N, C-alpha and C. Protein backbone atom coordinates (compact mmCIF):
# COMPACT_ATOMS: atom_id res chain seq x y z
N MET A 1 18.09 198.31 238.60
CA MET A 1 17.38 197.38 238.93
C MET A 1 15.88 197.31 239.33
N GLN A 2 15.26 198.73 239.24
CA GLN A 2 13.64 198.63 239.49
C GLN A 2 13.01 198.17 237.98
N GLU A 3 13.81 198.45 236.95
CA GLU A 3 13.09 197.71 235.83
C GLU A 3 13.61 196.12 235.46
N ILE A 4 14.62 195.86 235.96
CA ILE A 4 14.61 194.11 235.99
C ILE A 4 13.63 193.91 236.61
N ILE A 5 13.35 194.33 238.02
CA ILE A 5 11.95 193.70 238.94
C ILE A 5 10.84 193.73 238.41
N ARG A 6 10.53 194.84 237.68
CA ARG A 6 9.38 194.91 236.75
C ARG A 6 9.11 193.65 235.73
N GLN A 7 10.11 193.63 235.25
CA GLN A 7 10.29 192.44 233.84
C GLN A 7 10.12 190.99 234.80
N LEU A 8 10.74 190.73 236.01
CA LEU A 8 10.46 189.81 236.67
C LEU A 8 9.07 189.56 237.10
N LEU A 9 8.39 190.44 237.42
CA LEU A 9 6.85 190.64 238.23
C LEU A 9 6.27 190.06 236.71
N ALA A 10 6.65 190.81 235.54
CA ALA A 10 5.88 190.36 234.34
C ALA A 10 5.93 189.04 233.85
N GLU A 11 7.20 188.29 233.83
CA GLU A 11 7.36 186.99 233.93
C GLU A 11 6.90 186.20 234.75
N LEU A 12 6.45 186.38 235.79
CA LEU A 12 5.76 185.46 236.71
C LEU A 12 4.24 185.27 236.49
N GLY A 13 4.05 186.47 235.67
CA GLY A 13 2.53 186.40 235.19
C GLY A 13 1.36 187.27 235.87
N GLU A 14 2.26 188.49 236.50
CA GLU A 14 1.72 189.51 237.04
C GLU A 14 1.79 190.93 236.29
N ASP A 15 1.13 191.74 236.78
CA ASP A 15 0.93 193.04 236.03
C ASP A 15 1.49 193.92 236.58
N PRO A 16 2.80 194.47 236.51
CA PRO A 16 3.60 195.47 237.19
C PRO A 16 3.19 196.67 237.70
N SER A 17 2.11 196.88 236.79
CA SER A 17 1.42 198.28 236.84
C SER A 17 0.15 198.35 237.87
N ARG A 18 -0.29 197.26 238.27
CA ARG A 18 -1.60 197.29 239.36
C ARG A 18 -0.97 198.32 240.71
N GLU A 19 -1.83 198.61 241.29
CA GLU A 19 -1.85 199.28 242.22
C GLU A 19 -0.89 198.77 243.42
N GLY A 20 -1.15 197.41 243.82
CA GLY A 20 -0.65 196.96 244.86
C GLY A 20 1.18 196.59 244.51
N LEU A 21 1.55 196.37 243.07
CA LEU A 21 2.85 196.10 242.40
C LEU A 21 3.61 197.57 242.00
N ARG A 22 2.92 198.32 241.95
CA ARG A 22 3.49 199.78 241.19
C ARG A 22 4.25 200.15 241.88
N ASP A 23 4.61 200.21 243.32
CA ASP A 23 5.77 200.52 243.76
C ASP A 23 6.95 199.61 244.72
N THR A 24 6.77 198.21 244.07
CA THR A 24 7.04 197.01 244.38
C THR A 24 8.77 196.95 244.12
N PRO A 25 8.97 197.64 242.71
CA PRO A 25 10.34 197.62 242.41
C PRO A 25 10.85 198.48 243.49
N LYS A 26 10.59 199.75 243.53
CA LYS A 26 11.08 200.52 244.38
C LYS A 26 11.61 200.05 245.59
N ARG A 27 10.50 199.38 246.28
CA ARG A 27 10.92 198.72 248.14
C ARG A 27 11.58 197.55 247.43
N VAL A 28 11.56 196.66 246.27
CA VAL A 28 12.63 195.79 246.38
C VAL A 28 14.25 196.05 246.25
N GLU A 29 14.21 197.18 245.68
CA GLU A 29 15.45 197.70 245.28
C GLU A 29 15.90 198.33 246.65
N LYS A 30 15.40 198.95 247.64
CA LYS A 30 15.75 199.20 248.58
C LYS A 30 16.04 198.31 249.47
N ALA A 31 15.38 197.34 249.78
CA ALA A 31 15.26 196.11 250.44
C ALA A 31 16.83 195.45 250.30
N MET A 32 16.99 195.05 248.78
CA MET A 32 18.07 194.48 248.46
C MET A 32 19.37 195.11 248.41
N ARG A 33 19.27 196.45 248.38
CA ARG A 33 20.63 197.13 248.69
C ARG A 33 20.89 196.92 250.26
N PHE A 34 20.08 197.10 251.25
CA PHE A 34 20.10 196.95 252.58
C PHE A 34 20.89 195.22 253.06
N LEU A 35 20.03 194.41 252.73
CA LEU A 35 20.48 193.25 252.70
C LEU A 35 21.98 192.83 252.12
N THR A 36 22.42 193.49 251.05
CA THR A 36 23.79 193.13 250.45
C THR A 36 24.26 194.32 250.94
N SER A 37 24.22 195.16 251.76
CA SER A 37 25.10 196.17 251.94
C SER A 37 26.83 195.88 252.72
N GLY A 38 26.89 194.43 252.96
CA GLY A 38 28.18 194.04 253.22
C GLY A 38 29.28 194.29 252.43
N TYR A 39 28.91 194.30 251.04
CA TYR A 39 29.65 194.37 249.93
C TYR A 39 30.47 195.69 250.04
N THR A 40 29.76 196.67 250.38
CA THR A 40 30.35 197.76 250.37
C THR A 40 30.88 198.54 251.74
N ALA A 41 30.90 197.37 253.03
CA ALA A 41 31.35 197.92 254.18
C ALA A 41 32.82 197.68 254.20
N ASP A 42 33.30 198.63 254.89
CA ASP A 42 34.87 198.27 254.79
C ASP A 42 35.07 197.84 256.36
N VAL A 43 35.87 196.80 256.34
CA VAL A 43 36.15 195.97 257.93
C VAL A 43 36.61 196.91 258.78
N ASP A 44 37.69 197.53 258.33
CA ASP A 44 38.58 198.61 259.23
C ASP A 44 37.50 199.89 259.73
N SER A 45 36.60 200.56 258.83
CA SER A 45 35.93 201.16 259.07
C SER A 45 34.84 200.63 260.30
N VAL A 46 34.70 199.74 260.03
CA VAL A 46 33.36 198.85 260.90
C VAL A 46 34.06 198.84 262.43
N LEU A 47 35.28 198.28 262.54
CA LEU A 47 36.17 198.15 263.71
C LEU A 47 36.25 199.41 264.48
N ASN A 48 36.58 200.83 263.31
CA ASN A 48 36.82 201.97 263.98
C ASN A 48 37.78 201.93 264.85
N ASN A 49 38.93 201.69 264.71
CA ASN A 49 40.20 201.55 265.78
C ASN A 49 39.99 200.88 267.08
N ALA A 50 38.49 200.22 267.00
CA ALA A 50 38.42 199.46 268.48
C ALA A 50 39.17 198.12 268.98
N LEU A 51 40.56 198.41 268.82
CA LEU A 51 41.11 197.40 268.73
C LEU A 51 42.14 197.86 269.92
N PHE A 52 42.31 197.18 271.32
CA PHE A 52 42.90 197.81 272.35
C PHE A 52 44.11 196.82 272.74
N THR A 53 45.24 197.51 273.40
CA THR A 53 46.45 196.46 273.99
C THR A 53 45.68 196.18 275.29
N VAL A 54 45.90 195.07 275.91
CA VAL A 54 45.39 194.82 277.36
C VAL A 54 46.34 193.70 277.97
N ASP A 55 46.66 193.58 279.09
CA ASP A 55 47.07 192.25 279.55
C ASP A 55 45.76 191.36 279.95
N TYR A 56 45.54 190.56 279.46
CA TYR A 56 44.29 189.88 279.57
C TYR A 56 44.37 188.67 278.44
N ASN A 57 44.39 187.30 278.86
CA ASN A 57 44.50 186.04 278.11
C ASN A 57 43.57 185.07 278.41
N GLU A 58 42.28 185.53 278.93
CA GLU A 58 41.60 184.46 279.27
C GLU A 58 40.72 184.52 277.93
N MET A 59 39.67 183.76 278.05
CA MET A 59 38.41 183.44 276.66
C MET A 59 37.50 184.83 276.48
N VAL A 60 37.21 185.27 275.25
CA VAL A 60 36.31 186.31 275.40
C VAL A 60 35.58 185.93 274.24
N ILE A 61 33.75 186.00 274.87
CA ILE A 61 32.97 185.15 274.07
C ILE A 61 31.88 186.33 274.08
N VAL A 62 31.45 186.24 272.60
CA VAL A 62 30.36 186.85 272.47
C VAL A 62 28.98 186.17 271.62
N LYS A 63 28.13 185.61 272.17
CA LYS A 63 27.38 184.42 272.04
C LYS A 63 25.94 185.28 271.65
N ASP A 64 25.09 184.36 270.87
CA ASP A 64 23.58 184.63 270.70
C ASP A 64 23.48 185.92 269.79
N ILE A 65 24.37 185.96 268.86
CA ILE A 65 24.41 187.38 268.17
C ILE A 65 23.34 186.84 266.88
N ASP A 66 22.26 187.41 266.70
CA ASP A 66 21.31 187.60 265.83
C ASP A 66 21.88 187.95 264.12
N PHE A 67 21.41 187.12 263.27
CA PHE A 67 21.95 187.31 261.94
C PHE A 67 20.90 187.18 260.96
N TYR A 68 21.09 187.69 260.08
CA TYR A 68 20.14 187.67 258.66
C TYR A 68 20.86 187.46 257.38
N SER A 69 20.77 186.61 256.55
CA SER A 69 21.54 186.61 255.36
C SER A 69 20.61 186.06 254.17
N LEU A 70 21.09 185.90 252.96
CA LEU A 70 20.40 185.69 251.80
C LEU A 70 21.48 184.56 251.13
N CYS A 71 20.72 183.50 251.15
CA CYS A 71 21.66 182.39 250.33
C CYS A 71 21.61 182.59 249.09
N GLU A 72 23.12 182.15 248.42
CA GLU A 72 23.34 182.85 247.30
C GLU A 72 23.02 182.06 246.09
N HIS A 73 22.41 180.57 246.27
CA HIS A 73 21.84 180.05 245.43
C HIS A 73 20.26 180.32 244.86
N HIS A 74 19.58 180.64 246.12
CA HIS A 74 18.26 181.00 245.50
C HIS A 74 17.68 182.09 245.78
N LEU A 75 18.73 183.12 246.51
CA LEU A 75 18.52 184.61 247.29
C LEU A 75 17.19 184.49 247.96
N LEU A 76 17.07 183.06 249.02
CA LEU A 76 16.09 183.10 249.95
C LEU A 76 16.99 183.10 251.26
N PRO A 77 16.25 183.61 252.37
CA PRO A 77 16.91 184.04 253.46
C PRO A 77 17.31 183.05 254.21
N PHE A 78 18.49 183.01 255.09
CA PHE A 78 18.64 182.00 256.29
C PHE A 78 19.23 183.10 257.22
N PHE A 79 18.79 182.71 258.61
CA PHE A 79 18.96 183.34 259.70
C PHE A 79 19.10 182.73 260.70
N GLY A 80 20.00 183.29 261.75
CA GLY A 80 20.13 182.27 263.34
C GLY A 80 21.02 183.03 264.07
N ARG A 81 21.87 182.48 264.56
CA ARG A 81 22.55 182.82 265.61
C ARG A 81 24.24 182.49 265.35
N CYS A 82 24.86 183.56 266.10
CA CYS A 82 26.33 183.41 265.79
C CYS A 82 26.83 183.59 267.25
N HIS A 83 27.91 182.72 267.55
CA HIS A 83 28.89 182.85 269.07
C HIS A 83 30.38 183.00 268.31
N VAL A 84 30.76 183.85 268.99
CA VAL A 84 32.01 183.90 268.46
C VAL A 84 33.00 184.15 269.95
N ALA A 85 34.07 183.57 269.71
CA ALA A 85 34.98 183.58 270.84
C ALA A 85 36.56 183.57 270.67
N TYR A 86 37.23 184.36 271.34
CA TYR A 86 38.87 183.96 271.16
C TYR A 86 39.53 184.52 272.41
N ILE A 87 40.89 184.31 272.39
CA ILE A 87 41.99 183.95 273.38
C ILE A 87 42.89 185.33 272.74
N PRO A 88 42.83 185.97 273.73
CA PRO A 88 43.70 187.55 273.12
C PRO A 88 45.26 186.97 273.34
N GLN A 89 46.04 187.70 272.52
CA GLN A 89 47.35 187.75 272.84
C GLN A 89 48.04 189.15 272.71
N GLY A 90 47.34 189.75 273.83
CA GLY A 90 47.82 191.35 273.84
C GLY A 90 46.87 192.36 273.37
N ARG A 91 46.08 191.70 272.67
CA ARG A 91 44.66 193.03 272.02
C ARG A 91 43.50 192.36 271.89
N VAL A 92 42.64 193.23 272.02
CA VAL A 92 41.06 192.67 272.21
C VAL A 92 40.47 193.65 271.20
N ILE A 93 39.35 193.17 270.55
CA ILE A 93 38.42 194.00 270.03
C ILE A 93 37.30 194.60 270.74
N GLY A 94 36.91 195.76 270.60
CA GLY A 94 35.63 196.32 271.20
C GLY A 94 34.40 195.42 271.27
N LEU A 95 33.62 195.06 272.32
CA LEU A 95 32.75 193.85 272.43
C LEU A 95 31.61 194.21 271.02
N SER A 96 31.38 195.73 271.15
CA SER A 96 30.07 195.90 270.30
C SER A 96 30.49 195.55 269.01
N LYS A 97 32.00 195.73 268.47
CA LYS A 97 32.59 195.26 267.06
C LYS A 97 32.37 194.39 266.65
N ILE A 98 31.94 193.12 267.36
CA ILE A 98 31.91 191.79 266.98
C ILE A 98 30.79 191.57 266.05
N PRO A 99 29.65 192.08 266.77
CA PRO A 99 28.48 192.19 266.13
C PRO A 99 28.22 192.68 264.97
N ARG A 100 28.87 193.63 264.87
CA ARG A 100 29.20 194.49 263.66
C ARG A 100 29.76 193.88 262.44
N LEU A 101 30.83 193.20 262.82
CA LEU A 101 31.77 192.32 261.99
C LEU A 101 30.78 191.14 261.27
N VAL A 102 29.84 190.25 262.13
CA VAL A 102 29.11 189.19 261.80
C VAL A 102 27.94 190.06 260.74
N GLU A 103 27.39 191.23 260.86
CA GLU A 103 26.64 191.92 260.13
C GLU A 103 27.35 192.01 258.99
N VAL A 104 28.71 192.72 258.60
CA VAL A 104 29.12 192.58 257.47
C VAL A 104 29.12 191.65 256.49
N PHE A 105 29.45 190.35 257.04
CA PHE A 105 29.50 189.25 256.17
C PHE A 105 28.24 188.51 256.11
N ALA A 106 27.08 188.60 256.87
CA ALA A 106 26.02 188.10 256.82
C ALA A 106 25.22 189.00 255.64
N ARG A 107 25.41 190.12 255.58
CA ARG A 107 24.58 191.11 254.52
C ARG A 107 25.58 190.97 253.08
N ARG A 108 25.53 190.10 252.69
CA ARG A 108 26.03 189.56 251.20
C ARG A 108 25.16 188.08 251.16
N LEU A 109 25.59 187.90 249.94
CA LEU A 109 24.91 186.79 249.17
C LEU A 109 25.66 185.44 249.82
N GLN A 110 25.42 184.66 250.37
CA GLN A 110 26.45 183.84 251.30
C GLN A 110 25.90 182.30 251.28
N ILE A 111 26.65 181.33 251.84
CA ILE A 111 26.41 180.13 252.18
C ILE A 111 27.33 180.44 253.81
N GLN A 112 26.75 179.31 254.48
CA GLN A 112 26.90 179.45 255.90
C GLN A 112 28.19 179.30 256.25
N GLU A 113 28.59 178.18 255.61
CA GLU A 113 30.04 177.73 255.98
C GLU A 113 31.12 178.87 255.54
N ARG A 114 30.86 179.52 254.51
CA ARG A 114 31.67 180.57 254.01
C ARG A 114 31.81 181.91 255.05
N MET A 115 30.67 181.98 255.41
CA MET A 115 30.63 183.28 256.76
C MET A 115 31.01 182.80 257.71
N THR A 116 30.77 181.50 258.04
CA THR A 116 31.71 181.33 259.54
C THR A 116 33.02 181.72 259.69
N ASN A 117 33.48 180.78 258.48
CA ASN A 117 35.08 181.05 258.25
C ASN A 117 35.61 182.67 257.94
N GLN A 118 34.83 183.55 257.26
CA GLN A 118 34.93 184.96 257.26
C GLN A 118 35.18 185.64 258.56
N ILE A 119 34.16 185.44 259.21
CA ILE A 119 34.30 185.77 260.87
C ILE A 119 35.44 185.49 261.33
N ALA A 120 35.91 184.17 261.30
CA ALA A 120 37.12 183.56 261.96
C ALA A 120 38.40 184.49 261.54
N ASP A 121 38.34 184.24 260.18
CA ASP A 121 39.41 184.58 259.36
C ASP A 121 40.00 186.07 259.79
N THR A 122 38.59 186.75 259.78
CA THR A 122 38.79 188.43 260.05
C THR A 122 39.82 189.04 261.58
N ILE A 123 38.90 187.98 262.48
CA ILE A 123 39.30 188.39 263.70
C ILE A 123 40.88 187.75 263.81
N ARG A 124 41.03 186.67 263.47
CA ARG A 124 42.63 186.11 263.26
C ARG A 124 43.58 187.15 262.82
N GLU A 125 43.23 187.72 261.54
CA GLU A 125 43.84 188.50 260.90
C GLU A 125 44.09 189.72 261.59
N LYS A 126 43.07 190.43 262.53
CA LYS A 126 43.13 191.82 263.04
C LYS A 126 43.99 191.85 264.27
N ILE A 127 43.92 190.87 265.04
CA ILE A 127 44.45 190.69 266.27
C ILE A 127 45.25 189.93 266.86
N GLN A 128 45.31 188.71 265.88
CA GLN A 128 46.63 187.70 265.83
C GLN A 128 46.37 187.00 267.19
N PRO A 129 45.04 186.77 267.60
CA PRO A 129 44.67 186.15 269.02
C PRO A 129 45.54 184.67 268.93
N LEU A 130 45.59 183.88 270.21
CA LEU A 130 46.11 182.73 270.43
C LEU A 130 45.07 181.26 269.52
N GLY A 131 43.64 182.17 269.51
CA GLY A 131 42.67 181.09 268.86
C GLY A 131 41.40 181.81 268.73
N VAL A 132 40.57 181.47 267.51
CA VAL A 132 39.28 181.84 267.37
C VAL A 132 38.53 180.77 267.22
N ALA A 133 37.16 181.08 267.87
CA ALA A 133 36.07 179.99 267.53
C ALA A 133 34.99 180.79 267.07
N VAL A 134 34.36 180.42 265.87
CA VAL A 134 32.88 180.66 265.73
C VAL A 134 32.14 179.78 265.15
N VAL A 135 30.98 179.60 265.51
CA VAL A 135 29.79 178.82 265.67
C VAL A 135 28.70 179.30 265.29
N CYS A 136 27.86 178.98 264.16
CA CYS A 136 26.59 179.63 263.40
C CYS A 136 25.47 178.40 263.38
N GLU A 137 24.63 179.18 263.83
CA GLU A 137 23.13 177.87 263.81
C GLU A 137 22.35 178.89 262.96
N ALA A 138 21.43 178.26 261.89
CA ALA A 138 20.84 178.86 261.32
C ALA A 138 19.56 177.81 260.25
N ALA A 139 18.35 178.34 260.23
CA ALA A 139 17.45 178.19 259.58
C ALA A 139 17.69 178.37 258.12
N HIS A 140 17.54 177.63 257.27
CA HIS A 140 17.37 178.19 255.83
C HIS A 140 16.23 177.99 254.91
N LEU A 141 15.59 179.12 254.41
CA LEU A 141 14.30 178.76 253.96
C LEU A 141 14.11 178.00 252.65
N CYS A 142 15.65 178.21 252.14
CA CYS A 142 15.54 177.08 250.55
C CYS A 142 15.57 175.85 251.29
N MET A 143 15.38 175.25 252.39
CA MET A 143 15.33 173.90 252.51
C MET A 143 13.94 173.66 253.20
N SER A 144 13.37 174.89 253.54
CA SER A 144 11.82 174.99 254.37
C SER A 144 10.58 175.51 253.46
N MET A 145 11.34 176.31 252.61
CA MET A 145 9.93 176.60 251.75
C MET A 145 10.01 175.87 250.24
N ARG A 146 11.20 175.57 249.80
CA ARG A 146 11.00 174.76 248.47
C ARG A 146 11.95 173.62 248.82
N GLY A 147 12.41 172.63 247.98
CA GLY A 147 13.41 171.41 247.95
C GLY A 147 12.52 170.53 248.62
N VAL A 148 13.55 170.07 249.78
CA VAL A 148 13.27 169.02 250.90
C VAL A 148 12.00 169.54 251.64
N GLU A 149 11.67 170.80 251.83
CA GLU A 149 10.58 171.19 252.57
C GLU A 149 10.40 170.75 253.98
N LYS A 150 11.87 170.84 254.51
CA LYS A 150 11.77 170.58 255.94
C LYS A 150 11.95 171.71 256.85
N GLN A 151 10.77 171.98 257.68
CA GLN A 151 10.52 173.16 258.36
C GLN A 151 11.49 173.10 259.41
N ASN A 152 11.73 172.36 260.30
CA ASN A 152 12.29 171.97 261.48
C ASN A 152 13.83 171.93 261.59
N SER A 153 14.36 171.55 260.16
CA SER A 153 15.91 171.36 260.15
C SER A 153 16.55 172.75 260.23
N PHE A 154 17.97 172.77 261.00
CA PHE A 154 18.56 173.63 260.94
C PHE A 154 20.18 172.96 260.70
N ALA A 155 20.95 174.01 260.40
CA ALA A 155 22.51 173.91 259.89
C ALA A 155 23.47 174.24 261.16
N LEU A 156 24.22 173.62 261.18
CA LEU A 156 25.23 174.21 262.22
C LEU A 156 26.76 174.23 261.52
N THR A 157 27.39 175.41 261.77
CA THR A 157 28.82 175.22 261.09
C THR A 157 29.73 175.56 262.46
N SER A 158 30.94 175.68 262.15
CA SER A 158 31.90 176.10 263.09
C SER A 158 33.39 176.31 262.22
N ALA A 159 34.07 177.33 263.09
CA ALA A 159 35.48 177.71 262.80
C ALA A 159 36.41 177.65 263.99
N MET A 160 37.18 176.58 263.93
CA MET A 160 38.16 176.62 264.72
C MET A 160 39.52 176.68 264.51
N LEU A 161 40.11 177.73 264.99
CA LEU A 161 41.26 178.26 264.77
C LEU A 161 42.40 178.22 265.78
N GLY A 162 43.74 177.85 265.51
CA GLY A 162 44.53 178.34 266.96
C GLY A 162 44.15 177.06 267.61
N THR A 163 44.40 177.76 269.03
CA THR A 163 44.03 176.89 270.46
C THR A 163 43.07 176.03 270.36
N PHE A 164 41.77 176.68 269.72
CA PHE A 164 40.61 176.07 269.69
C PHE A 164 40.57 174.97 269.20
N GLN A 165 41.27 175.00 267.85
CA GLN A 165 41.63 173.53 267.06
C GLN A 165 42.49 172.39 267.61
N SER A 166 43.64 172.93 268.36
CA SER A 166 44.49 171.95 268.63
C SER A 166 44.19 171.65 270.20
N ASP A 167 43.70 172.27 271.21
CA ASP A 167 43.42 171.96 272.52
C ASP A 167 42.04 171.70 272.66
N ALA A 168 41.77 170.13 273.26
CA ALA A 168 40.47 169.85 272.98
C ALA A 168 39.72 170.46 274.45
N ARG A 169 40.51 170.77 275.49
CA ARG A 169 39.99 171.44 276.56
C ARG A 169 39.27 172.49 276.44
N THR A 170 40.11 173.46 275.69
CA THR A 170 39.93 174.89 275.48
C THR A 170 38.51 174.96 274.54
N ARG A 171 38.62 173.87 273.54
CA ARG A 171 37.01 173.82 272.52
C ARG A 171 36.12 173.12 273.33
N ALA A 172 36.19 172.43 274.44
CA ALA A 172 35.24 171.79 275.26
C ALA A 172 34.67 173.12 276.24
N GLU A 173 35.44 173.74 276.49
CA GLU A 173 35.04 174.81 277.63
C GLU A 173 34.26 175.98 276.78
N PHE A 174 34.73 176.06 275.47
CA PHE A 174 33.87 177.31 274.74
C PHE A 174 32.47 176.69 274.36
N LEU A 175 32.47 175.45 273.83
CA LEU A 175 31.39 174.82 273.56
C LEU A 175 30.08 174.72 274.92
N GLU A 176 30.87 174.44 276.27
CA GLU A 176 29.85 174.27 277.52
C GLU A 176 29.69 176.21 277.73
N LEU A 177 30.39 176.77 277.41
CA LEU A 177 30.27 178.29 277.69
C LEU A 177 28.76 178.80 276.66
N ILE A 178 28.77 178.33 275.75
CA ILE A 178 27.63 178.53 274.65
C ILE A 178 26.48 177.39 275.13
N LYS A 179 26.85 176.73 275.72
CA LYS A 179 25.83 175.67 275.83
C LYS A 179 25.42 174.53 275.04
N ARG A 180 26.47 174.06 273.91
CA ARG A 180 25.84 173.35 273.34
C ARG A 180 27.02 172.02 273.58
N PRO A 181 26.40 170.89 273.19
CA PRO A 181 27.13 169.39 273.40
C PRO A 181 28.35 169.27 272.86
N VAL A 182 29.26 168.71 273.59
CA VAL A 182 30.40 168.23 273.02
C VAL A 182 30.67 167.05 272.52
N VAL A 183 31.44 166.54 271.38
CA VAL A 183 31.97 165.35 270.86
C VAL A 183 33.42 165.39 270.94
N THR A 184 34.08 164.11 270.83
CA THR A 184 35.32 163.87 271.03
C THR A 184 35.81 164.56 269.07
N GLY A 185 36.74 164.47 269.05
CA GLY A 185 37.67 164.84 267.85
C GLY A 185 38.05 166.11 267.71
N VAL A 186 38.70 166.38 266.79
CA VAL A 186 39.29 167.77 266.29
C VAL A 186 38.28 168.25 265.19
N SER A 187 37.42 169.55 265.27
CA SER A 187 37.10 169.89 263.84
C SER A 187 37.77 171.23 263.69
N GLY A 188 37.70 171.15 261.91
CA GLY A 188 38.28 172.09 261.48
C GLY A 188 37.41 173.30 261.05
N ALA A 189 37.93 174.41 260.35
CA ALA A 189 37.09 175.33 260.08
C ALA A 189 36.02 174.71 259.30
N GLY A 190 34.54 175.07 259.31
CA GLY A 190 33.29 174.33 258.53
C GLY A 190 33.16 173.27 258.95
N ALA A 191 33.71 172.35 259.53
CA ALA A 191 33.18 171.33 260.38
C ALA A 191 32.58 171.75 261.41
N SER A 192 31.27 170.75 261.78
CA SER A 192 30.77 171.13 263.16
C SER A 192 31.00 169.72 264.35
N PRO A 193 31.47 170.40 265.58
CA PRO A 193 31.67 169.70 266.77
C PRO A 193 30.40 169.72 267.36
N LEU A 194 29.40 169.94 267.15
CA LEU A 194 28.36 170.13 267.88
C LEU A 194 27.50 169.03 268.20
N SER A 195 27.54 167.82 267.36
CA SER A 195 26.26 167.08 267.52
C SER A 195 26.89 165.69 267.09
N ALA A 196 26.78 164.96 267.84
CA ALA A 196 26.95 163.20 267.63
C ALA A 196 26.28 162.96 266.63
N THR A 197 25.11 163.46 266.34
CA THR A 197 24.54 162.58 265.00
C THR A 197 24.94 163.81 263.99
N PRO A 198 24.58 163.35 262.51
CA PRO A 198 24.76 163.85 261.46
C PRO A 198 24.12 165.50 261.17
N VAL A 199 24.77 166.30 260.90
CA VAL A 199 24.34 167.61 260.84
C VAL A 199 23.83 167.92 259.36
N PRO A 200 22.92 168.69 259.00
CA PRO A 200 22.23 169.13 257.90
C PRO A 200 23.39 169.80 256.96
N ALA A 201 23.55 169.52 255.83
CA ALA A 201 24.12 170.54 255.01
C ALA A 201 24.04 172.04 255.32
N ALA A 202 24.56 172.98 255.45
CA ALA A 202 24.49 174.27 255.62
C ALA A 202 23.97 174.83 254.04
N GLY A 203 24.85 174.65 253.24
CA GLY A 203 24.34 174.96 251.77
C GLY A 203 23.33 174.40 251.34
N CYS A 204 22.41 175.09 250.84
CA CYS A 204 21.38 174.48 249.79
C CYS A 204 21.98 173.73 248.62
N SER A 205 21.09 172.93 247.87
CA SER A 205 21.17 172.13 246.60
C SER A 205 21.04 173.47 245.49
N SER A 206 22.16 173.57 244.44
CA SER A 206 21.72 174.58 243.68
C SER A 206 20.92 174.63 242.67
N THR A 207 19.79 173.25 242.50
CA THR A 207 18.85 172.72 241.89
C THR A 207 17.68 173.69 242.28
C-alpha cells in the first residue's frame, strides 16, 4: 500500500521523497487501516454476548451516535449522527454495543443508505425485536468539497422495520423522541420520513 501511495503522490506532481512527504505513505496506510477496520470486525465479537433476556417491551433508543465513514465513490469522508431504536421481544442488546455496531458498518467504504440498512438488519437478525428504526444524518465532503460544492447540504436516511414501518404512531413517537419532524405516509428502508421537503440524495455522484 505504501508504494501505491508513493506512486499516487508522484502522479499528483509531488516529490514523495521530500521531507514533508517522506513518511506520508506510512501514515496514510495506518489511517486507512483504521478507517476501514469494519471489514475485519466480527459482529458477534463486537456484541460479545451482550444479549440479555428481559421482560421489557417498550421502545429502546440510543441517539446522537457520532460516526465517520468514507464514501465509496471518491474515498472522501461523510460524517454525522445515527439514532437507533428497537422494541424488544424478550431480548435486548447491551446499550454500549449499539454505538459499537454503528462503528462496524461506518468503518468501511460506504454509502449512507446501505449503512443505515445494515445497522437495522443486524439488530433485527440478532434479537428478533418487534421493530427496528435507524435514522442517519450526515454531511458528505464529496458534495461540499467537490462536485456541486454545497457546504450546507446534508443527507437523511432511515430504515423502518417491523412495527416502526407498519404503525404510524410508533414511528411518530420515535421521531418525536429524537426530535425530528414527522410527515404522513409509511417509509421503508432507505427512504426518509424526516422532512416534508425533498432530501438530498445520500449517495454522491460517481463522476
